[in-house]
Amino acid sequence: MAAAKRRPRPRLEEVAKLAGVSKMTVTRALNEPHKVAAATRERIARIVKRVGYTPDLTARGLTLQRTGLVGAVVPLLTNSLIAEIVQGLSDALAVHGYQLLVGASGFSARGEEAIVRAFLSRRVDAMYLTGITHTKATREMLARAGLPVVEGGNLTRRPLDMLVGYSSKDAAALVTHHLFDRGYRHLGYIGAWPRDNDRARDRRRGFAHACAAVSLPRDDSWYVDTDLALPAGAAAMATLLDRHPDVDAVFCSADALAVGAMLEAQRRGLAIPDDVAIAGFDDLDLAAQMVPPLTTLRVPRYAIGERAGAMIADRLAGRPMEAPVVDVGYTFVPRATT
């Protein structure tokens, strides 16, 4: 089949001629509509739609030194938790006319580095990065670029620029102390791989520190690191139960792992929480629907993205910021699994 003949792209001059206005008026109607009379603005909008005109953002970016694009690097595109953050980020930026470019690093700092390089080559105006773990090259590229950067999802005393998140370590310690306070003494841990994932790393550390604080030190056999998926949680629970049949409580660094752990325990005929208690992290919609409902920890995911987007928009507009670091906190949600 022969390739379809490519039609010439509608030009700004064509829209202006059909609307009976200047090119400047068309540009203003598209970029600053509040400065154009309603009747003129509506006429231009009808013509733009009819001829299929789209502005040349590359040329506009060269003129204004802005592209209207913000790059976001996330670990996965298939995770609903990450999707909530991205939605909040997109919504907050769209109000100010910015569009989002999204890349998935696969929980790899090297993967993030490659995406950051690609985004910078496309002259994004700002960047959102998931977490606080980055390669030296990523840090150097962003420092040279001098554009606004928000790290999201965790806290550090030395952010690259701006930061919005919560303490994964403190949150995990809170859940672990809850298990101890409920009378459990043989505590195990199931978590996502901590390499290049500072949220998983800090949740592991929070569990370890909380155990040490109540004189329940755990050796490595009480920890199972795995992929972030429900079947992986089930397999990890099987490993933990085989190693330590006396385990009476398990903290999972994500609800997906906790649900898998619950299903594996129930397949083995264990009652939850009488034989083994299980706690998660994230408060997925599924958590409250499990039987029994899952004890977990809720994080304001949409608010992280929304706040990050607002911080980027403020910085790009030159507006003063209340604080470059925002701790959104978390909420413990005790349910029947503990």
C-alpha atoms as a PDB file:
ATOM      1  CA  MET A   1       0.000   0.000   0.000  1.00  0.00           C
ATOM      2  CA  ALA A   2       1.386   3.378  -1.005  1.00  0.00           C
ATOM      3  CA  ALA A   3       2.110   5.789   1.809  1.00  0.00           C
ATOM      4  CA  ALA A   4      -0.481   8.518   2.260  1.00  0.00           C
ATOM      5  CA  LYS A   5       0.619  11.876   0.864  1.00  0.00           C
ATOM      6  CA  ARG A   6       1.602  14.177   3.699  1.00  0.00           C
ATOM      7  CA  ARG A   7      -0.433  17.374   3.796  1.00  0.00           C
ATOM      8  CA  PRO A   8       1.350  20.642   4.559  1.00  0.00           C
ATOM      9  CA  ARG A   9       1.052  21.746   8.168  1.00  0.00           C
ATOM     10  CA  PRO A  10      -1.389  24.675   8.635  1.00  0.00           C
ATOM     11  CA  ARG A  11       0.526  27.877   9.314  1.00  0.00           C
ATOM     12  CA  LEU A  12      -0.095  30.768  11.649  1.00  0.00           C
ATOM     13  CA  GLU A  13      -0.468  33.113   8.675  1.00  0.00           C
ATOM     14  CA  GLU A  14      -3.338  31.002   7.324  1.00  0.00           C
ATOM     15  CA  VAL A  15      -5.255  31.190  10.611  1.00  0.00           C
ATOM     16  CA  ALA A  16      -4.698  34.951  10.847  1.00  0.00           C
ATOM     17  CA  LYS A  17      -5.893  35.530   7.258  1.00  0.00           C
ATOM     18  CA  LEU A  18      -9.054  33.438   7.706  1.00  0.00           C
ATOM     19  CA  ALA A  19      -9.829  35.171  11.004  1.00  0.00           C
ATOM     20  CA  GLY A  20      -9.135  38.637   9.608  1.00  0.00           C
ATOM     21  CA  VAL A  21      -6.646  39.476  12.352  1.00  0.00           C
ATOM     22  CA  SER A  22      -2.894  39.807  12.760  1.00  0.00           C
ATOM     23  CA  LYS A  23      -0.559  36.921  13.562  1.00  0.00           C
ATOM     24  CA  MET A  24       0.124  38.578  16.922  1.00  0.00           C
ATOM     25  CA  THR A  25      -3.594  38.470  17.768  1.00  0.00           C
ATOM     26  CA  VAL A  26      -3.753  34.745  16.962  1.00  0.00           C
ATOM     27  CA  THR A  27      -0.680  34.088  19.109  1.00  0.00           C
ATOM     28  CA  ARG A  28      -2.154  36.098  21.960  1.00  0.00           C
ATOM     29  CA  ALA A  29      -5.498  34.269  21.677  1.00  0.00           C
ATOM     30  CA  LEU A  30      -3.699  30.938  22.035  1.00  0.00           C
ATOM     31  CA  ASN A  31      -1.238  31.887  24.762  1.00  0.00           C
ATOM     32  CA  GLU A  32      -2.943  34.712  26.670  1.00  0.00           C
ATOM     33  CA  PRO A  33      -6.662  34.386  25.833  1.00  0.00           C
ATOM     34  CA  HIS A  34      -7.742  36.784  28.579  1.00  0.00           C
ATOM     35  CA  LYS A  35      -6.123  39.624  26.568  1.00  0.00           C
ATOM     36  CA  VAL A  36      -8.302  39.024  23.477  1.00  0.00           C
ATOM     37  CA  ALA A  37     -11.953  40.041  23.036  1.00  0.00           C
ATOM     38  CA  ALA A  38     -14.331  37.124  23.488  1.00  0.00           C
ATOM     39  CA  ALA A  39     -15.814  37.319  19.968  1.00  0.00           C
ATOM     40  CA  THR A  40     -12.366  37.414  18.348  1.00  0.00           C
ATOM     41  CA  ARG A  41     -11.100  34.633  20.582  1.00  0.00           C
ATOM     42  CA  GLU A  42     -14.042  32.390  19.682  1.00  0.00           C
ATOM     43  CA  ARG A  43     -13.632  33.080  15.951  1.00  0.00           C
ATOM     44  CA  ILE A  44      -9.958  32.181  16.094  1.00  0.00           C
ATOM     45  CA  ALA A  45     -10.735  29.020  18.073  1.00  0.00           C
ATOM     46  CA  ARG A  46     -13.227  27.876  15.418  1.00  0.00           C
ATOM     47  CA  ILE A  47     -10.721  28.412  12.619  1.00  0.00           C
ATOM     48  CA  VAL A  48      -7.902  26.714  14.539  1.00  0.00           C
ATOM     49  CA  LYS A  49     -10.124  23.680  15.004  1.00  0.00           C
ATOM     50  CA  ARG A  50     -11.315  23.675  11.378  1.00  0.00           C
ATOM     51  CA  VAL A  51      -7.888  23.827   9.753  1.00  0.00           C
ATOM     52  CA  GLY A  52      -6.183  21.675  12.406  1.00  0.00           C
ATOM     53  CA  TYR A  53      -3.586  24.281  13.343  1.00  0.00           C
ATOM     54  CA  THR A  54      -1.104  23.467  16.126  1.00  0.00           C
ATOM     55  CA  PRO A  55       1.528  25.978  17.264  1.00  0.00           C
ATOM     56  CA  ASP A  56       5.206  25.266  16.578  1.00  0.00           C
ATOM     57  CA  LEU A  57       6.432  24.823  20.134  1.00  0.00           C
ATOM     58  CA  THR A  58      10.021  24.383  19.022  1.00  0.00           C
ATOM     59  CA  ALA A  59      10.122  27.839  17.453  1.00  0.00           C
ATOM     60  CA  ARG A  60       8.202  29.291  20.366  1.00  0.00           C
ATOM     61  CA  GLY A  61      10.629  27.706  22.798  1.00  0.00           C
ATOM     62  CA  LEU A  62      13.634  29.194  21.019  1.00  0.00           C
ATOM     63  CA  THR A  63      12.055  32.644  21.185  1.00  0.00           C
ATOM     64  CA  LEU A  64      10.829  32.507  24.781  1.00  0.00           C
ATOM     65  CA  GLN A  65      13.495  30.121  26.143  1.00  0.00           C
ATOM     66  CA  ARG A  66      10.580  27.995  27.360  1.00  0.00           C
ATOM     67  CA  THR A  67       8.992  24.880  25.894  1.00  0.00           C
ATOM     68  CA  GLY A  68       6.012  24.516  28.224  1.00  0.00           C
ATOM     69  CA  LEU A  69       7.145  20.960  28.993  1.00  0.00           C
ATOM     70  CA  VAL A  70       7.970  19.399  32.369  1.00  0.00           C
ATOM     71  CA  GLY A  71       9.722  16.038  32.567  1.00  0.00           C
ATOM     72  CA  ALA A  72       8.737  13.456  35.199  1.00  0.00           C
ATOM     73  CA  VAL A  73      10.750  10.316  35.932  1.00  0.00           C
ATOM     74  CA  VAL A  74       8.818   7.558  37.711  1.00  0.00           C
ATOM     75  CA  PRO A  75       9.804   3.943  38.466  1.00  0.00           C
ATOM     76  CA  LEU A  76       6.882   2.284  36.656  1.00  0.00           C
ATOM     77  CA  LEU A  77       3.931   3.225  34.478  1.00  0.00           C
ATOM     78  CA  THR A  78       1.835   0.224  35.552  1.00  0.00           C
ATOM     79  CA  ASN A  79       1.620   1.068  39.257  1.00  0.00           C
ATOM     80  CA  SER A  80      -1.640   2.729  40.368  1.00  0.00           C
ATOM     81  CA  LEU A  81       0.109   4.464  43.279  1.00  0.00           C
ATOM     82  CA  ILE A  82       2.517   6.192  40.936  1.00  0.00           C
ATOM     83  CA  ALA A  83      -0.366   7.032  38.603  1.00  0.00           C
ATOM     84  CA  GLU A  84      -2.022   9.045  41.401  1.00  0.00           C
ATOM     85  CA  ILE A  85       1.149  11.101  41.887  1.00  0.00           C
ATOM     86  CA  VAL A  86       1.480  11.698  38.147  1.00  0.00           C
ATOM     87  CA  GLN A  87      -2.181  12.733  37.930  1.00  0.00           C
ATOM     88  CA  GLY A  88      -1.756  15.274  40.719  1.00  0.00           C
ATOM     89  CA  LEU A  89       1.389  16.604  39.043  1.00  0.00           C
ATOM     90  CA  SER A  90      -0.300  16.840  35.642  1.00  0.00           C
ATOM     91  CA  ASP A  91      -3.406  18.552  37.027  1.00  0.00           C
ATOM     92  CA  ALA A  92      -1.393  21.173  38.911  1.00  0.00           C
ATOM     93  CA  LEU A  93       0.805  21.955  35.898  1.00  0.00           C
ATOM     94  CA  ALA A  94      -2.045  22.056  33.379  1.00  0.00           C
ATOM     95  CA  VAL A  95      -3.635  24.982  35.238  1.00  0.00           C
ATOM     96  CA  HIS A  96      -0.547  26.998  34.322  1.00  0.00           C
ATOM     97  CA  GLY A  97      -0.314  25.760  30.730  1.00  0.00           C
ATOM     98  CA  TYR A  98       2.447  23.183  31.188  1.00  0.00           C
ATOM     99  CA  GLN A  99       2.356  19.675  29.738  1.00  0.00           C
ATOM    100  CA  LEU A 100       3.991  16.584  31.200  1.00  0.00           C
ATOM    101  CA  LEU A 101       6.518  14.205  29.635  1.00  0.00           C
ATOM    102  CA  VAL A 102       6.773  10.927  31.591  1.00  0.00           C
ATOM    103  CA  GLY A 103       9.528   8.322  31.536  1.00  0.00           C
ATOM    104  CA  ALA A 104       9.851   5.061  33.508  1.00  0.00           C
ATOM    105  CA  SER A 105      13.244   4.217  35.025  1.00  0.00           C
ATOM    106  CA  GLY A 106      12.433   0.686  36.194  1.00  0.00           C
ATOM    107  CA  PHE A 107      13.748   1.475  39.706  1.00  0.00           C
ATOM    108  CA  SER A 108      17.179   2.023  38.146  1.00  0.00           C
ATOM    109  CA  ALA A 109      19.319   5.087  38.867  1.00  0.00           C
ATOM    110  CA  ARG A 110      21.066   4.498  35.538  1.00  0.00           C
ATOM    111  CA  GLY A 111      17.683   4.341  33.841  1.00  0.00           C
ATOM    112  CA  GLU A 112      16.741   7.643  35.462  1.00  0.00           C
ATOM    113  CA  GLU A 113      20.000   9.154  34.234  1.00  0.00           C
ATOM    114  CA  ALA A 114      19.210   8.212  30.629  1.00  0.00           C
ATOM    115  CA  ILE A 115      15.721   9.731  30.842  1.00  0.00           C
ATOM    116  CA  VAL A 116      16.985  12.928  32.458  1.00  0.00           C
ATOM    117  CA  ARG A 117      19.528  13.306  29.636  1.00  0.00           C
ATOM    118  CA  ALA A 118      16.793  12.769  27.033  1.00  0.00           C
ATOM    119  CA  PHE A 119      14.458  15.275  28.707  1.00  0.00           C
ATOM    120  CA  LEU A 120      17.180  17.905  28.952  1.00  0.00           C
ATOM    121  CA  SER A 121      17.939  17.463  25.243  1.00  0.00           C
ATOM    122  CA  ARG A 122      14.282  18.319  24.613  1.00  0.00           C
ATOM    123  CA  ARG A 123      14.681  21.500  26.683  1.00  0.00           C
ATOM    124  CA  VAL A 124      12.114  20.771  29.382  1.00  0.00           C
ATOM    125  CA  ASP A 125      11.452  23.711  31.677  1.00  0.00           C
ATOM    126  CA  ALA A 126      11.550  21.710  34.909  1.00  0.00           C
ATOM    127  CA  MET A 127      11.882  18.166  36.235  1.00  0.00           C
ATOM    128  CA  TYR A 128      10.137  15.886  38.735  1.00  0.00           C
ATOM    129  CA  LEU A 129      12.169  12.927  40.025  1.00  0.00           C
ATOM    130  CA  THR A 130      10.872  10.032  42.109  1.00  0.00           C
ATOM    131  CA  GLY A 131      12.922   9.545  45.249  1.00  0.00           C
ATOM    132  CA  ILE A 132      16.278  10.912  46.338  1.00  0.00           C
ATOM    133  CA  THR A 133      18.675   8.329  44.835  1.00  0.00           C
ATOM    134  CA  HIS A 134      20.457   9.605  41.715  1.00  0.00           C
ATOM    135  CA  THR A 135      23.717   8.960  39.903  1.00  0.00           C
ATOM    136  CA  LYS A 136      26.559  11.468  40.038  1.00  0.00           C
ATOM    137  CA  ALA A 137      25.988  12.189  36.341  1.00  0.00           C
ATOM    138  CA  THR A 138      22.301  12.972  36.936  1.00  0.00           C
ATOM    139  CA  ARG A 139      23.162  15.397  39.719  1.00  0.00           C
ATOM    140  CA  GLU A 140      25.793  17.112  37.569  1.00  0.00           C
ATOM    141  CA  MET A 141      23.496  17.420  34.529  1.00  0.00           C
ATOM    142  CA  LEU A 142      20.731  18.997  36.585  1.00  0.00           C
ATOM    143  CA  ALA A 143      23.137  21.358  38.343  1.00  0.00           C
ATOM    144  CA  ARG A 144      24.463  22.579  34.979  1.00  0.00           C
ATOM    145  CA  ALA A 145      20.956  22.952  33.552  1.00  0.00           C
ATOM    146  CA  GLY A 146      19.872  25.143  36.469  1.00  0.00           C
ATOM    147  CA  LEU A 147      16.192  24.347  36.005  1.00  0.00           C
ATOM    148  CA  PRO A 148      13.644  23.760  38.794  1.00  0.00           C
ATOM    149  CA  VAL A 149      13.727  20.201  40.147  1.00  0.00           C
ATOM    150  CA  VAL A 150      11.368  18.563  42.630  1.00  0.00           C
ATOM    151  CA  GLU A 151      12.193  15.221  44.228  1.00  0.00           C
ATOM    152  CA  GLY A 152       9.074  13.400  45.401  1.00  0.00           C
ATOM    153  CA  GLY A 153       8.216  10.529  47.699  1.00  0.00           C
ATOM    154  CA  ASN A 154      10.867  10.656  50.417  1.00  0.00           C
ATOM    155  CA  LEU A 155      12.715  13.118  52.636  1.00  0.00           C
ATOM    156  CA  THR A 156      16.377  14.093  52.827  1.00  0.00           C
ATOM    157  CA  ARG A 157      18.316  16.884  54.470  1.00  0.00           C
ATOM    158  CA  ARG A 158      20.122  17.625  51.195  1.00  0.00           C
ATOM    159  CA  PRO A 159      17.616  17.869  48.317  1.00  0.00           C
ATOM    160  CA  LEU A 160      18.780  18.718  44.808  1.00  0.00           C
ATOM    161  CA  ASP A 161      16.474  21.744  44.788  1.00  0.00           C
ATOM    162  CA  MET A 162      12.900  21.294  46.039  1.00  0.00           C
ATOM    163  CA  LEU A 163      11.334  18.301  47.770  1.00  0.00           C
ATOM    164  CA  VAL A 164       7.874  17.001  48.660  1.00  0.00           C
ATOM    165  CA  GLY A 165       7.385  13.696  50.454  1.00  0.00           C
ATOM    166  CA  TYR A 166       7.310  11.922  53.798  1.00  0.00           C
ATOM    167  CA  SER A 167       9.647   9.834  55.949  1.00  0.00           C
ATOM    168  CA  SER A 168       9.425   6.205  54.852  1.00  0.00           C
ATOM    169  CA  LYS A 169      11.707   5.286  57.729  1.00  0.00           C
ATOM    170  CA  ASP A 170       9.519   6.874  60.415  1.00  0.00           C
ATOM    171  CA  ALA A 171       6.360   5.472  58.828  1.00  0.00           C
ATOM    172  CA  ALA A 172       7.742   1.919  58.811  1.00  0.00           C
ATOM    173  CA  ALA A 173       8.903   2.284  62.405  1.00  0.00           C
ATOM    174  CA  LEU A 174       5.386   3.348  63.418  1.00  0.00           C
ATOM    175  CA  VAL A 175       3.837   0.212  61.897  1.00  0.00           C
ATOM    176  CA  THR A 176       6.519  -2.002  63.475  1.00  0.00           C
ATOM    177  CA  HIS A 177       5.951  -0.524  66.953  1.00  0.00           C
ATOM    178  CA  HIS A 178       2.230  -1.165  66.478  1.00  0.00           C
ATOM    179  CA  LEU A 179       2.963  -4.864  65.927  1.00  0.00           C
ATOM    180  CA  PHE A 180       5.124  -4.982  69.029  1.00  0.00           C
ATOM    181  CA  ASP A 181       2.499  -3.151  71.095  1.00  0.00           C
ATOM    182  CA  ARG A 182      -0.091  -5.731  69.999  1.00  0.00           C
ATOM    183  CA  GLY A 183       2.040  -8.457  71.591  1.00  0.00           C
ATOM    184  CA  TYR A 184       3.890  -9.888  68.574  1.00  0.00           C
ATOM    185  CA  ARG A 185       7.527 -10.846  69.168  1.00  0.00           C
ATOM    186  CA  HIS A 186       8.646 -12.914  66.139  1.00  0.00           C
ATOM    187  CA  LEU A 187       8.578 -10.206  63.489  1.00  0.00           C
ATOM    188  CA  GLY A 188       9.517 -10.710  59.856  1.00  0.00           C
ATOM    189  CA  TYR A 189       9.900  -8.282  56.950  1.00  0.00           C
ATOM    190  CA  ILE A 190       9.001  -8.518  53.260  1.00  0.00           C
ATOM    191  CA  GLY A 191      10.058  -5.613  51.082  1.00  0.00           C
ATOM    192  CA  ALA A 192      10.820  -4.426  47.570  1.00  0.00           C
ATOM    193  CA  TRP A 193      14.455  -4.555  46.481  1.00  0.00           C
ATOM    194  CA  PRO A 194      16.198  -1.619  48.203  1.00  0.00           C
ATOM    195  CA  ARG A 195      18.869  -0.997  45.539  1.00  0.00           C
ATOM    196  CA  ASP A 196      18.172   2.370  43.821  1.00  0.00           C
ATOM    197  CA  ASN A 197      14.817   2.466  45.689  1.00  0.00           C
ATOM    198  CA  ASP A 198      15.287   4.745  48.692  1.00  0.00           C
ATOM    199  CA  ARG A 199      11.636   4.369  49.755  1.00  0.00           C
ATOM    200  CA  ALA A 200      12.067   0.575  50.122  1.00  0.00           C
ATOM    201  CA  ARG A 201      15.496   1.045  51.706  1.00  0.00           C
ATOM    202  CA  ASP A 202      14.163   3.425  54.350  1.00  0.00           C
ATOM    203  CA  ARG A 203      11.169   1.216  55.135  1.00  0.00           C
ATOM    204  CA  ARG A 204      13.580  -1.669  55.733  1.00  0.00           C
ATOM    205  CA  ARG A 205      15.679   0.573  57.974  1.00  0.00           C
ATOM    206  CA  GLY A 206      12.625   1.802  59.854  1.00  0.00           C
ATOM    207  CA  PHE A 207      11.603  -1.791  60.596  1.00  0.00           C
ATOM    208  CA  ALA A 208      15.146  -2.690  61.734  1.00  0.00           C
ATOM    209  CA  HIS A 209      15.504   0.361  63.973  1.00  0.00           C
ATOM    210  CA  ALA A 210      12.100  -0.198  65.569  1.00  0.00           C
ATOM    211  CA  CYS A 211      12.961  -3.835  66.304  1.00  0.00           C
ATOM    212  CA  ALA A 212      16.292  -2.820  67.819  1.00  0.00           C
ATOM    213  CA  ALA A 213      14.586  -0.168  69.943  1.00  0.00           C
ATOM    214  CA  VAL A 214      12.479  -2.837  71.672  1.00  0.00           C
ATOM    215  CA  SER A 215      15.394  -5.307  71.915  1.00  0.00           C
ATOM    216  CA  LEU A 216      14.207  -7.528  69.064  1.00  0.00           C
ATOM    217  CA  PRO A 217      17.203  -7.480  66.720  1.00  0.00           C
ATOM    218  CA  ARG A 218      16.593  -9.384  63.479  1.00  0.00           C
ATOM    219  CA  ASP A 219      19.274 -11.212  61.476  1.00  0.00           C
ATOM    220  CA  ASP A 220      19.085 -11.327  57.672  1.00  0.00           C
ATOM    221  CA  SER A 221      17.032 -14.517  57.669  1.00  0.00           C
ATOM    222  CA  TRP A 222      14.017 -12.530  58.906  1.00  0.00           C
ATOM    223  CA  TYR A 223      14.143 -10.267  55.812  1.00  0.00           C
ATOM    224  CA  VAL A 224      12.986 -11.200  52.314  1.00  0.00           C
ATOM    225  CA  ASP A 225      13.595  -8.682  49.510  1.00  0.00           C
ATOM    226  CA  THR A 226      11.677  -9.240  46.291  1.00  0.00           C
ATOM    227  CA  ASP A 227       9.936  -7.729  43.278  1.00  0.00           C
ATOM    228  CA  LEU A 228       7.089  -5.292  43.826  1.00  0.00           C
ATOM    229  CA  ALA A 229       4.196  -7.562  42.830  1.00  0.00           C
ATOM    230  CA  LEU A 230       1.459  -9.611  44.472  1.00  0.00           C
ATOM    231  CA  PRO A 231       2.840 -13.050  43.377  1.00  0.00           C
ATOM    232  CA  ALA A 232       6.272 -11.995  44.655  1.00  0.00           C
ATOM    233  CA  GLY A 233       4.705 -11.218  48.037  1.00  0.00           C
ATOM    234  CA  ALA A 234       3.212 -14.705  48.175  1.00  0.00           C
ATOM    235  CA  ALA A 235       6.532 -16.336  47.277  1.00  0.00           C
ATOM    236  CA  ALA A 236       8.356 -14.189  49.850  1.00  0.00           C
ATOM    237  CA  MET A 237       5.852 -15.206  52.536  1.00  0.00           C
ATOM    238  CA  ALA A 238       6.451 -18.855  51.684  1.00  0.00           C
ATOM    239  CA  THR A 239      10.201 -18.302  52.065  1.00  0.00           C
ATOM    240  CA  LEU A 240       9.766 -16.542  55.402  1.00  0.00           C
ATOM    241  CA  LEU A 241       7.430 -19.219  56.779  1.00  0.00           C
ATOM    242  CA  ASP A 242       9.803 -21.983  55.681  1.00  0.00           C
ATOM    243  CA  ARG A 243      12.716 -20.253  57.384  1.00  0.00           C
ATOM    244  CA  HIS A 244      10.813 -19.310  60.537  1.00  0.00           C
ATOM    245  CA  PRO A 245       7.621 -21.303  61.173  1.00  0.00           C
ATOM    246  CA  ASP A 246       7.265 -19.387  64.451  1.00  0.00           C
ATOM    247  CA  VAL A 247       6.951 -15.974  62.758  1.00  0.00           C
ATOM    248  CA  ASP A 248       3.875 -14.324  64.276  1.00  0.00           C
ATOM    249  CA  ALA A 249       3.826 -10.955  62.457  1.00  0.00           C
ATOM    250  CA  VAL A 250       5.060  -9.670  59.101  1.00  0.00           C
ATOM    251  CA  PHE A 251       5.511  -6.093  57.958  1.00  0.00           C
ATOM    252  CA  CYS A 252       5.389  -5.665  54.170  1.00  0.00           C
ATOM    253  CA  SER A 253       6.798  -2.529  52.542  1.00  0.00           C
ATOM    254  CA  ALA A 254       3.868  -2.363  50.084  1.00  0.00           C
ATOM    255  CA  ASP A 255       0.236  -3.465  50.103  1.00  0.00           C
ATOM    256  CA  ALA A 256       0.752  -5.539  46.947  1.00  0.00           C
ATOM    257  CA  LEU A 257       3.294  -7.632  48.852  1.00  0.00           C
ATOM    258  CA  ALA A 258       1.056  -7.791  51.921  1.00  0.00           C
ATOM    259  CA  VAL A 259      -1.924  -9.082  49.929  1.00  0.00           C
ATOM    260  CA  GLY A 260       0.254 -11.782  48.394  1.00  0.00           C
ATOM    261  CA  ALA A 261       1.539 -12.670  51.861  1.00  0.00           C
ATOM    262  CA  MET A 262      -2.032 -12.932  53.185  1.00  0.00           C
ATOM    263  CA  LEU A 263      -3.082 -15.269  50.396  1.00  0.00           C
ATOM    264  CA  GLU A 264      -0.066 -17.527  50.950  1.00  0.00           C
ATOM    265  CA  ALA A 265      -0.710 -17.679  54.703  1.00  0.00           C
ATOM    266  CA  GLN A 266      -4.351 -18.570  54.125  1.00  0.00           C
ATOM    267  CA  ARG A 267      -3.402 -21.269  51.602  1.00  0.00           C
ATOM    268  CA  ARG A 268      -1.322 -22.829  54.370  1.00  0.00           C
ATOM    269  CA  GLY A 269      -4.285 -22.807  56.711  1.00  0.00           C
ATOM    270  CA  LEU A 270      -2.999 -20.017  58.925  1.00  0.00           C
ATOM    271  CA  ALA A 271      -5.534 -17.707  60.548  1.00  0.00           C
ATOM    272  CA  ILE A 272      -4.945 -13.962  60.271  1.00  0.00           C
ATOM    273  CA  PRO A 273      -4.196 -12.427  62.751  1.00  0.00           C
ATOM    274  CA  ASP A 274      -4.425 -15.291  65.286  1.00  0.00           C
ATOM    275  CA  ASP A 275      -1.595 -17.352  63.768  1.00  0.00           C
ATOM    276  CA  VAL A 276       0.222 -14.577  61.932  1.00  0.00           C
ATOM    277  CA  ALA A 277      -0.437 -10.820  61.705  1.00  0.00           C
ATOM    278  CA  ILE A 278       0.293  -8.922  58.491  1.00  0.00           C
ATOM    279  CA  ALA A 279       0.667  -5.180  57.893  1.00  0.00           C
ATOM    280  CA  GLY A 280       1.208  -3.311  54.637  1.00  0.00           C
ATOM    281  CA  PHE A 281       2.074   0.135  53.355  1.00  0.00           C
ATOM    282  CA  ASP A 282       0.176   2.338  50.827  1.00  0.00           C
ATOM    283  CA  ASP A 283      -3.538   1.768  51.618  1.00  0.00           C
ATOM    284  CA  LEU A 284      -4.569   0.532  48.205  1.00  0.00           C
ATOM    285  CA  ASP A 285      -8.332   0.353  47.591  1.00  0.00           C
ATOM    286  CA  LEU A 286      -7.938  -3.433  47.847  1.00  0.00           C
ATOM    287  CA  ALA A 287      -6.574  -3.210  51.401  1.00  0.00           C
ATOM    288  CA  ALA A 288      -9.927  -2.372  52.991  1.00  0.00           C
ATOM    289  CA  GLN A 289     -11.690  -5.058  50.926  1.00  0.00           C
ATOM    290  CA  MET A 290      -9.466  -7.965  51.968  1.00  0.00           C
ATOM    291  CA  VAL A 291     -10.784 -10.568  54.405  1.00  0.00           C
ATOM    292  CA  PRO A 292      -9.764  -9.634  57.008  1.00  0.00           C
ATOM    293  CA  PRO A 293      -9.133  -5.951  56.087  1.00  0.00           C
ATOM    294  CA  LEU A 294      -5.437  -5.086  55.923  1.00  0.00           C
ATOM    295  CA  THR A 295      -3.668  -2.887  58.460  1.00  0.00           C
ATOM    296  CA  THR A 296      -1.597  -0.397  56.482  1.00  0.00           C
ATOM    297  CA  LEU A 297      -0.280   3.125  56.207  1.00  0.00           C
ATOM    298  CA  ARG A 298      -1.849   5.777  53.977  1.00  0.00           C
ATOM    299  CA  VAL A 299       0.206   8.315  52.037  1.00  0.00           C
ATOM    300  CA  PRO A 300      -1.364  11.359  50.277  1.00  0.00           C
ATOM    301  CA  ARG A 301      -0.122  10.347  46.827  1.00  0.00           C
ATOM    302  CA  TYR A 302      -2.189  12.766  44.741  1.00  0.00           C
ATOM    303  CA  ALA A 303      -1.195  15.592  47.084  1.00  0.00           C
ATOM    304  CA  ILE A 304       2.505  14.825  46.512  1.00  0.00           C
ATOM    305  CA  GLY A 305       2.120  15.303  42.767  1.00  0.00           C
ATOM    306  CA  GLU A 306      -0.190  18.290  43.125  1.00  0.00           C
ATOM    307  CA  ARG A 307       2.144  20.080  45.512  1.00  0.00           C
ATOM    308  CA  ALA A 308       5.176  19.296  43.355  1.00  0.00           C
ATOM    309  CA  GLY A 309       3.408  20.724  40.303  1.00  0.00           C
ATOM    310  CA  ALA A 310       2.465  23.885  42.173  1.00  0.00           C
ATOM    311  CA  MET A 311       6.055  24.334  43.377  1.00  0.00           C
ATOM    312  CA  ILE A 312       7.366  24.000  39.820  1.00  0.00           C
ATOM    313  CA  ALA A 313       4.790  26.476  38.474  1.00  0.00           C
ATOM    314  CA  ASP A 314       5.617  28.980  41.209  1.00  0.00           C
ATOM    315  CA  ARG A 315       9.346  28.746  40.544  1.00  0.00           C
ATOM    316  CA  LEU A 316       8.908  29.159  36.783  1.00  0.00           C
ATOM    317  CA  ALA A 317       6.671  32.177  37.338  1.00  0.00           C
ATOM    318  CA  GLY A 318       9.116  33.754  39.761  1.00  0.00           C
ATOM    319  CA  ARG A 319       6.593  33.653  42.589  1.00  0.00           C
ATOM    320  CA  PRO A 320       7.892  33.415  46.180  1.00  0.00           C
ATOM    321  CA  MET A 321       7.745  29.954  47.777  1.00  0.00           C
ATOM    322  CA  GLU A 322       6.686  29.200  51.331  1.00  0.00           C
ATOM    323  CA  ALA A 323       9.289  26.442  51.722  1.00  0.00           C
ATOM    324  CA  PRO A 324      11.439  24.382  49.343  1.00  0.00           C
ATOM    325  CA  VAL A 325      10.870  21.215  51.392  1.00  0.00           C
ATOM    326  CA  VAL A 326       7.355  19.973  52.173  1.00  0.00           C
ATOM    327  CA  ASP A 327       6.589  17.019  54.441  1.00  0.00           C
ATOM    328  CA  VAL A 328       3.087  15.779  53.529  1.00  0.00           C
ATOM    329  CA  GLY A 329       3.057  13.205  56.343  1.00  0.00           C
ATOM    330  CA  TYR A 330       1.140   9.932  56.484  1.00  0.00           C
ATOM    331  CA  THR A 331      -1.751   8.270  58.319  1.00  0.00           C
ATOM    332  CA  PHE A 332      -1.650   4.912  60.089  1.00  0.00           C
ATOM    333  CA  VAL A 333      -4.705   2.765  59.301  1.00  0.00           C
ATOM    334  CA  PRO A 334      -5.090  -0.116  61.803  1.00  0.00           C
ATOM    335  CA  ARG A 335      -7.414  -2.882  60.644  1.00  0.00           C
ATOM    336  CA  ALA A 336      -8.176  -6.504  61.468  1.00  0.00           C
ATOM    337  CA  THR A 337      -5.010  -8.186  60.120  1.00  0.00           C
ATOM    338  CA  THR A 338      -3.137  -7.082  63.248  1.00  0.00           C
END
